[in-house]
Amino acid sequence: MKLSQRQCFIILFAIVILLSALQLTVGGSSINWWTPNALEKDIIWDIRVPRTLLTWLIASALGLAGAVMQLLLRNPLAEPGITGVSGCAALVTIACLYFGWLPAFSFGLPALALVGGLLGVSLLMVLAGRRASPTRVILAGVAIATMSSAAMGLLLYLAPNPFAFQEWAFWHMGSLANKSWHSVMLALPGIVLAFPIVWLGRRFLYALTLSEETVATMGFDVARYRNWMLLAVALLTTASVVAAGVIGFVGLLAPHAVRLLGFNHPKYVLWLSPVTAILLLISFDTLAQLMSTARELPVGVLAALVGAPLLIVLLVRERNSHA
């Protein structure tokens, strides 16, 4: 018997709750949950709870962004990083560190990273053009990501003190370690803005499974809706980058996991992907903490180590299904 979207959502959400409870119990120190002392209460409310909430926010953002990109480009291998937004956000961050342009207020550097992400998506829109095909969007995104990566490599190479960027390199690998309520507040605004944009454009994404010509005959301005969806992806991706660094593969794997459950309709892919992404990222983060010894393994590294083989398996299955 095939489960409905609501039943599947409830089951996934229940699993997420259980994994979140497990994530709260994992850490560098054991805690007496029944009668915690003052220090243990601080650890729970100032470190572990924000980390779990941030995991939810980042994973849902990456899952939704991945689903939007795959539906928008009609390509199951599309993912948020293909827009080049994360690369531009990271480039602005490292450029500010390199030249010493550090804002005086605490939200300054993340705000500049957000500006970098928005500049990246603006450049993508310009390069792709008003009536761009999915292939043109992908090529423009790859070009932007490549240029950003090259520029970051050049800045790191020219840095007078290579160790000055050790913390930045750790951040660039993607990590949920040592996060606080401040990190939650960094991620929240972009995500809160992006979800309504996707909701308002959901019917456009559903209709894209047909063709752009058919969508245009249904009354949608394809170029305008595409730009709004790219803006939403930029907000979601940048929110994740500024709060926890670059975490790959989650946005790519979540929509595929939804399809493997038998939900191929774009409505299911779009709205079950965030929940599936939360399940994936919580699993990765909990495993990263359990595997760590002196220094915690960045969750972005573990996601890539697990995600890359899974992607290969998916590609082999897709090839065999069309054989």
C-alpha atoms as a PDB file:
ATOM      1  CA  MET A   1       0.000   0.000   0.000  1.00  0.00           C
ATOM      2  CA  LYS A   2       1.409   3.360  -1.041  1.00  0.00           C
ATOM      3  CA  LEU A   3       1.519   6.023   1.632  1.00  0.00           C
ATOM      4  CA  SER A   4      -0.043   9.421   1.053  1.00  0.00           C
ATOM      5  CA  GLN A   5       2.017  12.590   1.216  1.00  0.00           C
ATOM      6  CA  ARG A   6       0.585  13.388   4.651  1.00  0.00           C
ATOM      7  CA  GLN A   7       1.327   9.913   6.025  1.00  0.00           C
ATOM      8  CA  CYS A   8       4.857  10.000   4.634  1.00  0.00           C
ATOM      9  CA  PHE A   9       5.386  13.475   6.076  1.00  0.00           C
ATOM     10  CA  ILE A  10       4.199  12.327   9.516  1.00  0.00           C
ATOM     11  CA  ILE A  11       6.484   9.281   9.473  1.00  0.00           C
ATOM     12  CA  LEU A  12       9.492  11.315   8.325  1.00  0.00           C
ATOM     13  CA  PHE A  13       8.753  14.000  10.903  1.00  0.00           C
ATOM     14  CA  ALA A  14       8.519  11.390  13.682  1.00  0.00           C
ATOM     15  CA  ILE A  15      11.905   9.971  12.655  1.00  0.00           C
ATOM     16  CA  VAL A  16      13.343  13.500  12.611  1.00  0.00           C
ATOM     17  CA  ILE A  17      12.077  14.112  16.164  1.00  0.00           C
ATOM     18  CA  LEU A  18      13.689  10.881  17.384  1.00  0.00           C
ATOM     19  CA  LEU A  19      16.995  11.699  15.670  1.00  0.00           C
ATOM     20  CA  SER A  20      16.885  15.247  17.068  1.00  0.00           C
ATOM     21  CA  ALA A  21      16.512  13.830  20.568  1.00  0.00           C
ATOM     22  CA  LEU A  22      19.506  11.580  19.888  1.00  0.00           C
ATOM     23  CA  GLN A  23      21.508  14.533  18.562  1.00  0.00           C
ATOM     24  CA  LEU A  24      20.839  16.450  21.791  1.00  0.00           C
ATOM     25  CA  THR A  25      22.356  13.641  23.857  1.00  0.00           C
ATOM     26  CA  VAL A  26      25.579  13.514  21.825  1.00  0.00           C
ATOM     27  CA  GLY A  27      28.431  15.820  22.733  1.00  0.00           C
ATOM     28  CA  GLY A  28      31.812  16.239  24.336  1.00  0.00           C
ATOM     29  CA  SER A  29      30.455  15.864  27.869  1.00  0.00           C
ATOM     30  CA  SER A  30      27.833  13.610  29.413  1.00  0.00           C
ATOM     31  CA  ILE A  31      24.785  15.311  30.914  1.00  0.00           C
ATOM     32  CA  ASN A  32      22.383  14.261  33.637  1.00  0.00           C
ATOM     33  CA  TRP A  33      19.119  15.030  31.843  1.00  0.00           C
ATOM     34  CA  TRP A  34      16.913  14.324  34.867  1.00  0.00           C
ATOM     35  CA  THR A  35      18.626  16.681  37.336  1.00  0.00           C
ATOM     36  CA  PRO A  36      21.072  18.863  35.380  1.00  0.00           C
ATOM     37  CA  ASN A  37      23.224  21.333  37.282  1.00  0.00           C
ATOM     38  CA  ALA A  38      23.730  24.968  36.235  1.00  0.00           C
ATOM     39  CA  LEU A  39      26.631  24.183  33.888  1.00  0.00           C
ATOM     40  CA  GLU A  40      24.736  21.348  32.230  1.00  0.00           C
ATOM     41  CA  LYS A  41      21.718  23.607  31.711  1.00  0.00           C
ATOM     42  CA  ASP A  42      23.976  26.143  29.986  1.00  0.00           C
ATOM     43  CA  ILE A  43      25.386  23.412  27.733  1.00  0.00           C
ATOM     44  CA  ILE A  44      21.888  22.241  26.823  1.00  0.00           C
ATOM     45  CA  TRP A  45      20.313  25.630  26.116  1.00  0.00           C
ATOM     46  CA  ASP A  46      23.302  27.568  24.783  1.00  0.00           C
ATOM     47  CA  ILE A  47      25.057  24.877  22.716  1.00  0.00           C
ATOM     48  CA  ARG A  48      23.034  21.751  22.004  1.00  0.00           C
ATOM     49  CA  VAL A  49      19.552  23.182  21.440  1.00  0.00           C
ATOM     50  CA  PRO A  50      20.827  25.935  19.079  1.00  0.00           C
ATOM     51  CA  ARG A  51      22.844  23.316  17.198  1.00  0.00           C
ATOM     52  CA  THR A  52      19.782  21.134  16.666  1.00  0.00           C
ATOM     53  CA  LEU A  53      17.620  24.094  15.624  1.00  0.00           C
ATOM     54  CA  LEU A  54      20.340  25.271  13.244  1.00  0.00           C
ATOM     55  CA  THR A  55      20.495  21.776  11.756  1.00  0.00           C
ATOM     56  CA  TRP A  56      16.763  21.969  11.065  1.00  0.00           C
ATOM     57  CA  LEU A  57      17.033  25.416   9.487  1.00  0.00           C
ATOM     58  CA  ILE A  58      20.047  24.690   7.292  1.00  0.00           C
ATOM     59  CA  ALA A  59      18.831  21.274   6.188  1.00  0.00           C
ATOM     60  CA  SER A  60      15.353  22.511   5.296  1.00  0.00           C
ATOM     61  CA  ALA A  61      16.917  25.399   3.367  1.00  0.00           C
ATOM     62  CA  LEU A  62      19.256  23.108   1.417  1.00  0.00           C
ATOM     63  CA  GLY A  63      16.529  20.532   0.798  1.00  0.00           C
ATOM     64  CA  LEU A  64      14.089  23.112  -0.534  1.00  0.00           C
ATOM     65  CA  ALA A  65      16.791  24.832  -2.604  1.00  0.00           C
ATOM     66  CA  GLY A  66      17.809  21.502  -4.130  1.00  0.00           C
ATOM     67  CA  ALA A  67      14.225  20.614  -5.014  1.00  0.00           C
ATOM     68  CA  VAL A  68      13.644  24.048  -6.565  1.00  0.00           C
ATOM     69  CA  MET A  69      16.798  23.783  -8.685  1.00  0.00           C
ATOM     70  CA  GLN A  70      15.935  20.292  -9.931  1.00  0.00           C
ATOM     71  CA  LEU A  71      12.392  21.314 -10.841  1.00  0.00           C
ATOM     72  CA  LEU A  72      13.457  24.657 -12.297  1.00  0.00           C
ATOM     73  CA  LEU A  73      16.184  23.188 -14.511  1.00  0.00           C
ATOM     74  CA  ARG A  74      14.354  19.892 -15.087  1.00  0.00           C
ATOM     75  CA  ASN A  75      17.601  18.154 -14.180  1.00  0.00           C
ATOM     76  CA  PRO A  76      17.779  15.580 -11.347  1.00  0.00           C
ATOM     77  CA  LEU A  77      21.485  16.317 -10.851  1.00  0.00           C
ATOM     78  CA  ALA A  78      21.016  20.030 -10.180  1.00  0.00           C
ATOM     79  CA  GLU A  79      21.781  21.283  -6.675  1.00  0.00           C
ATOM     80  CA  PRO A  80      22.010  24.683  -4.917  1.00  0.00           C
ATOM     81  CA  GLY A  81      25.765  25.070  -5.396  1.00  0.00           C
ATOM     82  CA  ILE A  82      25.374  24.944  -9.169  1.00  0.00           C
ATOM     83  CA  THR A  83      24.210  28.576  -9.120  1.00  0.00           C
ATOM     84  CA  GLY A  84      27.617  29.748  -7.865  1.00  0.00           C
ATOM     85  CA  VAL A  85      25.915  31.557  -4.973  1.00  0.00           C
ATOM     86  CA  SER A  86      27.791  29.736  -2.218  1.00  0.00           C
ATOM     87  CA  GLY A  87      31.092  30.387  -3.983  1.00  0.00           C
ATOM     88  CA  CYS A  88      30.379  34.121  -4.274  1.00  0.00           C
ATOM     89  CA  ALA A  89      29.345  34.336  -0.614  1.00  0.00           C
ATOM     90  CA  ALA A  90      32.538  32.560   0.442  1.00  0.00           C
ATOM     91  CA  LEU A  91      34.644  34.759  -1.867  1.00  0.00           C
ATOM     92  CA  VAL A  92      33.292  37.955  -0.313  1.00  0.00           C
ATOM     93  CA  THR A  93      34.019  36.549   3.152  1.00  0.00           C
ATOM     94  CA  ILE A  94      37.620  35.634   2.403  1.00  0.00           C
ATOM     95  CA  ALA A  95      38.196  38.924   0.551  1.00  0.00           C
ATOM     96  CA  CYS A  96      37.032  40.867   3.610  1.00  0.00           C
ATOM     97  CA  LEU A  97      39.366  38.826   5.822  1.00  0.00           C
ATOM     98  CA  TYR A  98      42.250  39.278   3.396  1.00  0.00           C
ATOM     99  CA  PHE A  99      41.940  43.051   3.040  1.00  0.00           C
ATOM    100  CA  GLY A 100      40.940  43.631   6.660  1.00  0.00           C
ATOM    101  CA  TRP A 101      37.477  44.982   5.834  1.00  0.00           C
ATOM    102  CA  LEU A 102      35.897  43.679   9.020  1.00  0.00           C
ATOM    103  CA  PRO A 103      32.650  45.437  10.000  1.00  0.00           C
ATOM    104  CA  ALA A 104      32.345  46.673  13.559  1.00  0.00           C
ATOM    105  CA  PHE A 105      28.983  45.001  14.233  1.00  0.00           C
ATOM    106  CA  SER A 106      28.583  41.244  14.782  1.00  0.00           C
ATOM    107  CA  PHE A 107      26.291  40.672  11.802  1.00  0.00           C
ATOM    108  CA  GLY A 108      28.587  42.593   9.455  1.00  0.00           C
ATOM    109  CA  LEU A 109      30.550  39.744   7.889  1.00  0.00           C
ATOM    110  CA  PRO A 110      27.485  37.512   7.332  1.00  0.00           C
ATOM    111  CA  ALA A 111      25.687  40.520   5.860  1.00  0.00           C
ATOM    112  CA  LEU A 112      28.544  41.002   3.401  1.00  0.00           C
ATOM    113  CA  ALA A 113      28.422  37.291   2.563  1.00  0.00           C
ATOM    114  CA  LEU A 114      24.705  37.703   1.856  1.00  0.00           C
ATOM    115  CA  VAL A 115      25.545  40.594  -0.465  1.00  0.00           C
ATOM    116  CA  GLY A 116      28.055  38.316  -2.200  1.00  0.00           C
ATOM    117  CA  GLY A 117      25.406  35.642  -2.668  1.00  0.00           C
ATOM    118  CA  LEU A 118      22.929  38.128  -4.103  1.00  0.00           C
ATOM    119  CA  LEU A 119      25.599  39.500  -6.438  1.00  0.00           C
ATOM    120  CA  GLY A 120      26.274  35.940  -7.558  1.00  0.00           C
ATOM    121  CA  VAL A 121      22.649  35.242  -8.425  1.00  0.00           C
ATOM    122  CA  SER A 122      22.373  38.646 -10.138  1.00  0.00           C
ATOM    123  CA  LEU A 123      25.381  37.770 -12.288  1.00  0.00           C
ATOM    124  CA  LEU A 124      23.777  34.404 -13.021  1.00  0.00           C
ATOM    125  CA  MET A 125      20.595  36.108 -14.240  1.00  0.00           C
ATOM    126  CA  VAL A 126      22.596  38.457 -16.468  1.00  0.00           C
ATOM    127  CA  LEU A 127      24.758  35.709 -17.981  1.00  0.00           C
ATOM    128  CA  ALA A 128      21.844  33.339 -18.482  1.00  0.00           C
ATOM    129  CA  GLY A 129      19.671  35.977 -20.132  1.00  0.00           C
ATOM    130  CA  ARG A 130      15.947  36.566 -19.993  1.00  0.00           C
ATOM    131  CA  ARG A 131      14.979  33.555 -22.100  1.00  0.00           C
ATOM    132  CA  ALA A 132      17.718  31.236 -20.929  1.00  0.00           C
ATOM    133  CA  SER A 133      17.472  27.490 -21.311  1.00  0.00           C
ATOM    134  CA  PRO A 134      18.243  25.211 -18.331  1.00  0.00           C
ATOM    135  CA  THR A 135      21.557  24.313 -19.973  1.00  0.00           C
ATOM    136  CA  ARG A 136      22.522  27.983 -20.196  1.00  0.00           C
ATOM    137  CA  VAL A 137      21.675  28.530 -16.519  1.00  0.00           C
ATOM    138  CA  ILE A 138      23.801  25.528 -15.514  1.00  0.00           C
ATOM    139  CA  LEU A 139      26.763  26.659 -17.625  1.00  0.00           C
ATOM    140  CA  ALA A 140      26.552  30.201 -16.239  1.00  0.00           C
ATOM    141  CA  GLY A 141      26.419  28.847 -12.676  1.00  0.00           C
ATOM    142  CA  VAL A 142      29.401  26.561 -13.255  1.00  0.00           C
ATOM    143  CA  ALA A 143      31.375  29.485 -14.703  1.00  0.00           C
ATOM    144  CA  ILE A 144      30.590  31.681 -11.681  1.00  0.00           C
ATOM    145  CA  ALA A 145      31.466  28.894  -9.228  1.00  0.00           C
ATOM    146  CA  THR A 146      34.749  28.210 -11.035  1.00  0.00           C
ATOM    147  CA  MET A 147      35.745  31.882 -11.075  1.00  0.00           C
ATOM    148  CA  SER A 148      34.894  32.234  -7.378  1.00  0.00           C
ATOM    149  CA  SER A 149      36.929  29.156  -6.498  1.00  0.00           C
ATOM    150  CA  ALA A 150      39.909  30.409  -8.506  1.00  0.00           C
ATOM    151  CA  ALA A 151      39.748  33.842  -6.872  1.00  0.00           C
ATOM    152  CA  MET A 152      39.600  32.282  -3.392  1.00  0.00           C
ATOM    153  CA  GLY A 153      42.568  30.064  -4.205  1.00  0.00           C
ATOM    154  CA  LEU A 154      44.544  33.100  -5.375  1.00  0.00           C
ATOM    155  CA  LEU A 155      43.789  35.046  -2.188  1.00  0.00           C
ATOM    156  CA  LEU A 156      44.814  32.095  -0.029  1.00  0.00           C
ATOM    157  CA  TYR A 157      48.010  31.680  -2.044  1.00  0.00           C
ATOM    158  CA  LEU A 158      48.909  35.368  -1.671  1.00  0.00           C
ATOM    159  CA  ALA A 159      48.055  35.504   2.039  1.00  0.00           C
ATOM    160  CA  PRO A 160      51.150  36.633   4.010  1.00  0.00           C
ATOM    161  CA  ASN A 161      50.254  34.255   6.851  1.00  0.00           C
ATOM    162  CA  PRO A 162      48.774  30.949   5.620  1.00  0.00           C
ATOM    163  CA  PHE A 163      47.664  30.036   9.146  1.00  0.00           C
ATOM    164  CA  ALA A 164      45.485  33.138   9.303  1.00  0.00           C
ATOM    165  CA  PHE A 165      42.916  31.383   7.146  1.00  0.00           C
ATOM    166  CA  GLN A 166      42.858  28.089   9.052  1.00  0.00           C
ATOM    167  CA  GLU A 167      39.567  29.002  10.711  1.00  0.00           C
ATOM    168  CA  TRP A 168      38.124  30.114   7.383  1.00  0.00           C
ATOM    169  CA  ALA A 169      39.178  26.807   5.783  1.00  0.00           C
ATOM    170  CA  PHE A 170      37.420  24.888   8.568  1.00  0.00           C
ATOM    171  CA  TRP A 171      34.308  27.021   8.019  1.00  0.00           C
ATOM    172  CA  HIS A 172      34.488  26.422   4.273  1.00  0.00           C
ATOM    173  CA  MET A 173      34.320  22.657   4.896  1.00  0.00           C
ATOM    174  CA  GLY A 174      30.943  23.130   6.592  1.00  0.00           C
ATOM    175  CA  SER A 175      30.520  22.536  10.301  1.00  0.00           C
ATOM    176  CA  LEU A 176      27.814  22.732  12.962  1.00  0.00           C
ATOM    177  CA  ALA A 177      30.334  22.717  15.817  1.00  0.00           C
ATOM    178  CA  ASN A 178      30.427  25.562  18.357  1.00  0.00           C
ATOM    179  CA  LYS A 179      27.203  27.127  17.118  1.00  0.00           C
ATOM    180  CA  SER A 180      25.017  29.363  19.263  1.00  0.00           C
ATOM    181  CA  TRP A 181      21.770  31.296  19.114  1.00  0.00           C
ATOM    182  CA  HIS A 182      23.700  33.916  17.152  1.00  0.00           C
ATOM    183  CA  SER A 183      24.193  31.371  14.349  1.00  0.00           C
ATOM    184  CA  VAL A 184      20.476  30.569  14.396  1.00  0.00           C
ATOM    185  CA  MET A 185      19.669  34.258  13.983  1.00  0.00           C
ATOM    186  CA  LEU A 186      22.097  34.473  11.053  1.00  0.00           C
ATOM    187  CA  ALA A 187      20.289  31.719   9.166  1.00  0.00           C
ATOM    188  CA  LEU A 188      16.719  32.675  10.021  1.00  0.00           C
ATOM    189  CA  PRO A 189      16.058  35.873   7.968  1.00  0.00           C
ATOM    190  CA  GLY A 190      16.994  34.488   4.545  1.00  0.00           C
ATOM    191  CA  ILE A 191      15.031  31.291   5.120  1.00  0.00           C
ATOM    192  CA  VAL A 192      11.956  33.162   6.357  1.00  0.00           C
ATOM    193  CA  LEU A 193      12.038  35.321   3.218  1.00  0.00           C
ATOM    194  CA  ALA A 194      12.653  32.447   0.795  1.00  0.00           C
ATOM    195  CA  PHE A 195       9.955  29.970   1.831  1.00  0.00           C
ATOM    196  CA  PRO A 196       7.032  32.322   0.953  1.00  0.00           C
ATOM    197  CA  ILE A 197       8.647  33.076  -2.426  1.00  0.00           C
ATOM    198  CA  VAL A 198       8.772  29.364  -3.240  1.00  0.00           C
ATOM    199  CA  TRP A 199       5.218  28.892  -1.973  1.00  0.00           C
ATOM    200  CA  LEU A 200       3.922  31.654  -4.242  1.00  0.00           C
ATOM    201  CA  GLY A 201       5.750  30.177  -7.237  1.00  0.00           C
ATOM    202  CA  ARG A 202       4.944  26.533  -6.519  1.00  0.00           C
ATOM    203  CA  ARG A 203       2.413  26.157  -9.359  1.00  0.00           C
ATOM    204  CA  PHE A 204       4.987  27.477 -11.811  1.00  0.00           C
ATOM    205  CA  LEU A 205       7.432  24.787 -10.649  1.00  0.00           C
ATOM    206  CA  TYR A 206       4.755  22.092 -10.898  1.00  0.00           C
ATOM    207  CA  ALA A 207       3.907  23.165 -14.452  1.00  0.00           C
ATOM    208  CA  LEU A 208       7.558  23.152 -15.559  1.00  0.00           C
ATOM    209  CA  THR A 209       7.461  19.359 -15.700  1.00  0.00           C
ATOM    210  CA  LEU A 210       5.654  19.838 -19.023  1.00  0.00           C
ATOM    211  CA  SER A 211       7.633  22.442 -20.974  1.00  0.00           C
ATOM    212  CA  GLU A 212       8.367  26.168 -20.849  1.00  0.00           C
ATOM    213  CA  GLU A 213       6.140  26.719 -23.877  1.00  0.00           C
ATOM    214  CA  THR A 214       3.226  25.030 -22.127  1.00  0.00           C
ATOM    215  CA  VAL A 215       3.910  27.036 -18.971  1.00  0.00           C
ATOM    216  CA  ALA A 216       3.846  30.267 -20.984  1.00  0.00           C
ATOM    217  CA  THR A 217       0.462  29.364 -22.480  1.00  0.00           C
ATOM    218  CA  MET A 218      -0.847  28.896 -18.923  1.00  0.00           C
ATOM    219  CA  GLY A 219      -0.206  32.580 -18.232  1.00  0.00           C
ATOM    220  CA  PHE A 220       3.137  32.398 -16.415  1.00  0.00           C
ATOM    221  CA  ASP A 221       5.887  34.883 -17.218  1.00  0.00           C
ATOM    222  CA  VAL A 222       8.657  32.276 -17.402  1.00  0.00           C
ATOM    223  CA  ALA A 223      11.581  34.696 -17.103  1.00  0.00           C
ATOM    224  CA  ARG A 224      10.084  36.571 -14.146  1.00  0.00           C
ATOM    225  CA  TYR A 225       9.150  33.416 -12.239  1.00  0.00           C
ATOM    226  CA  ARG A 226      12.550  31.859 -12.951  1.00  0.00           C
ATOM    227  CA  ASN A 227      14.320  34.897 -11.532  1.00  0.00           C
ATOM    228  CA  TRP A 228      12.162  34.810  -8.399  1.00  0.00           C
ATOM    229  CA  MET A 229      12.979  31.126  -7.897  1.00  0.00           C
ATOM    230  CA  LEU A 230      16.695  31.804  -8.373  1.00  0.00           C
ATOM    231  CA  LEU A 231      16.440  34.591  -5.798  1.00  0.00           C
ATOM    232  CA  ALA A 232      14.804  32.169  -3.357  1.00  0.00           C
ATOM    233  CA  VAL A 233      17.593  29.642  -3.938  1.00  0.00           C
ATOM    234  CA  ALA A 234      20.163  32.392  -3.360  1.00  0.00           C
ATOM    235  CA  LEU A 235      18.555  33.365  -0.044  1.00  0.00           C
ATOM    236  CA  LEU A 236      18.338  29.743   1.117  1.00  0.00           C
ATOM    237  CA  THR A 237      21.886  28.870   0.083  1.00  0.00           C
ATOM    238  CA  THR A 238      23.465  32.022   1.484  1.00  0.00           C
ATOM    239  CA  ALA A 239      21.618  31.589   4.791  1.00  0.00           C
ATOM    240  CA  SER A 240      23.187  28.153   5.072  1.00  0.00           C
ATOM    241  CA  VAL A 241      26.655  29.364   4.085  1.00  0.00           C
ATOM    242  CA  VAL A 242      26.817  32.307   6.489  1.00  0.00           C
ATOM    243  CA  ALA A 243      25.650  30.185   9.438  1.00  0.00           C
ATOM    244  CA  ALA A 244      27.529  26.923   8.943  1.00  0.00           C
ATOM    245  CA  GLY A 245      29.776  27.136   5.898  1.00  0.00           C
ATOM    246  CA  VAL A 246      29.502  25.139   2.701  1.00  0.00           C
ATOM    247  CA  ILE A 247      27.631  21.837   3.169  1.00  0.00           C
ATOM    248  CA  GLY A 248      27.216  19.939  -0.069  1.00  0.00           C
ATOM    249  CA  PHE A 249      25.216  16.949  -1.282  1.00  0.00           C
ATOM    250  CA  VAL A 250      22.303  17.424   1.159  1.00  0.00           C
ATOM    251  CA  GLY A 251      20.390  19.555  -1.341  1.00  0.00           C
ATOM    252  CA  LEU A 252      21.147  17.025  -4.075  1.00  0.00           C
ATOM    253  CA  LEU A 253      20.314  13.853  -2.148  1.00  0.00           C
ATOM    254  CA  ALA A 254      17.076  14.949  -0.435  1.00  0.00           C
ATOM    255  CA  PRO A 255      14.914  15.208  -3.608  1.00  0.00           C
ATOM    256  CA  HIS A 256      16.315  11.884  -4.824  1.00  0.00           C
ATOM    257  CA  ALA A 257      15.407  10.250  -1.507  1.00  0.00           C
ATOM    258  CA  VAL A 258      11.839  11.529  -1.903  1.00  0.00           C
ATOM    259  CA  ARG A 259      11.637  10.016  -5.387  1.00  0.00           C
ATOM    260  CA  LEU A 260      13.018   6.713  -4.097  1.00  0.00           C
ATOM    261  CA  LEU A 261      10.085   6.639  -1.667  1.00  0.00           C
ATOM    262  CA  GLY A 262       7.809   6.655  -4.720  1.00  0.00           C
ATOM    263  CA  PHE A 263       6.779  10.326  -4.683  1.00  0.00           C
ATOM    264  CA  ASN A 264       7.634  11.580  -8.156  1.00  0.00           C
ATOM    265  CA  HIS A 265       5.030  14.333  -8.448  1.00  0.00           C
ATOM    266  CA  PRO A 266       6.735  17.753  -8.191  1.00  0.00           C
ATOM    267  CA  LYS A 267       4.439  18.752  -5.319  1.00  0.00           C
ATOM    268  CA  TYR A 268       5.753  15.880  -3.218  1.00  0.00           C
ATOM    269  CA  VAL A 269       9.361  16.436  -4.274  1.00  0.00           C
ATOM    270  CA  LEU A 270       9.163  20.125  -3.372  1.00  0.00           C
ATOM    271  CA  TRP A 271       7.640  19.851   0.104  1.00  0.00           C
ATOM    272  CA  LEU A 272       8.983  16.501   1.327  1.00  0.00           C
ATOM    273  CA  SER A 273      12.574  17.398   0.415  1.00  0.00           C
ATOM    274  CA  PRO A 274      13.088  19.809   3.367  1.00  0.00           C
ATOM    275  CA  VAL A 275      11.983  17.152   5.880  1.00  0.00           C
ATOM    276  CA  THR A 276      14.129  14.493   4.203  1.00  0.00           C
ATOM    277  CA  ALA A 277      17.098  16.886   4.225  1.00  0.00           C
ATOM    278  CA  ILE A 278      16.666  17.435   7.979  1.00  0.00           C
ATOM    279  CA  LEU A 279      16.749  13.670   8.485  1.00  0.00           C
ATOM    280  CA  LEU A 280      19.927  13.402   6.400  1.00  0.00           C
ATOM    281  CA  LEU A 281      21.804  16.289   8.015  1.00  0.00           C
ATOM    282  CA  ILE A 282      20.909  15.261  11.573  1.00  0.00           C
ATOM    283  CA  SER A 283      22.168  11.758  10.778  1.00  0.00           C
ATOM    284  CA  PHE A 284      25.397  13.143   9.284  1.00  0.00           C
ATOM    285  CA  ASP A 285      25.992  15.524  12.197  1.00  0.00           C
ATOM    286  CA  THR A 286      25.311  12.904  14.877  1.00  0.00           C
ATOM    287  CA  LEU A 287      27.638  10.477  13.116  1.00  0.00           C
ATOM    288  CA  ALA A 288      30.310  13.198  12.801  1.00  0.00           C
ATOM    289  CA  GLN A 289      30.168  13.824  16.553  1.00  0.00           C
ATOM    290  CA  LEU A 290      30.328  10.115  17.383  1.00  0.00           C
ATOM    291  CA  MET A 291      33.329   9.631  15.066  1.00  0.00           C
ATOM    292  CA  SER A 292      35.260  12.607  16.437  1.00  0.00           C
ATOM    293  CA  THR A 293      38.097  12.354  18.939  1.00  0.00           C
ATOM    294  CA  ALA A 294      40.245  15.406  19.659  1.00  0.00           C
ATOM    295  CA  ARG A 295      38.643  17.534  16.937  1.00  0.00           C
ATOM    296  CA  GLU A 296      35.179  17.223  15.493  1.00  0.00           C
ATOM    297  CA  LEU A 297      34.891  16.082  11.909  1.00  0.00           C
ATOM    298  CA  PRO A 298      33.218  18.805   9.799  1.00  0.00           C
ATOM    299  CA  VAL A 299      29.757  17.645   8.797  1.00  0.00           C
ATOM    300  CA  GLY A 300      30.309  18.987   5.276  1.00  0.00           C
ATOM    301  CA  VAL A 301      33.219  16.577   4.811  1.00  0.00           C
ATOM    302  CA  LEU A 302      31.178  13.631   6.086  1.00  0.00           C
ATOM    303  CA  ALA A 303      28.230  14.614   3.881  1.00  0.00           C
ATOM    304  CA  ALA A 304      30.541  14.567   0.853  1.00  0.00           C
ATOM    305  CA  LEU A 305      32.115  11.241   1.868  1.00  0.00           C
ATOM    306  CA  VAL A 306      28.692   9.627   2.213  1.00  0.00           C
ATOM    307  CA  GLY A 307      26.910  11.611  -0.490  1.00  0.00           C
ATOM    308  CA  ALA A 308      29.345  10.964  -3.339  1.00  0.00           C
ATOM    309  CA  PRO A 309      28.997   7.133  -3.242  1.00  0.00           C
ATOM    310  CA  LEU A 310      25.230   7.476  -2.880  1.00  0.00           C
ATOM    311  CA  LEU A 311      25.176   9.719  -5.943  1.00  0.00           C
ATOM    312  CA  ILE A 312      27.146   7.113  -7.893  1.00  0.00           C
ATOM    313  CA  VAL A 313      24.622   4.454  -6.857  1.00  0.00           C
ATOM    314  CA  LEU A 314      21.761   6.693  -8.000  1.00  0.00           C
ATOM    315  CA  LEU A 315      23.442   7.296 -11.353  1.00  0.00           C
ATOM    316  CA  VAL A 316      23.994   3.562 -11.871  1.00  0.00           C
ATOM    317  CA  ARG A 317      20.364   2.807 -10.977  1.00  0.00           C
ATOM    318  CA  GLU A 318      19.125   5.497 -13.359  1.00  0.00           C
ATOM    319  CA  ARG A 319      21.333   4.160 -16.151  1.00  0.00           C
ATOM    320  CA  ASN A 320      20.113   0.602 -15.580  1.00  0.00           C
ATOM    321  CA  SER A 321      16.484   1.727 -15.531  1.00  0.00           C
ATOM    322  CA  HIS A 322      16.899   3.255 -19.000  1.00  0.00           C
ATOM    323  CA  ALA A 323      18.894   0.330 -20.372  1.00  0.00           C
END
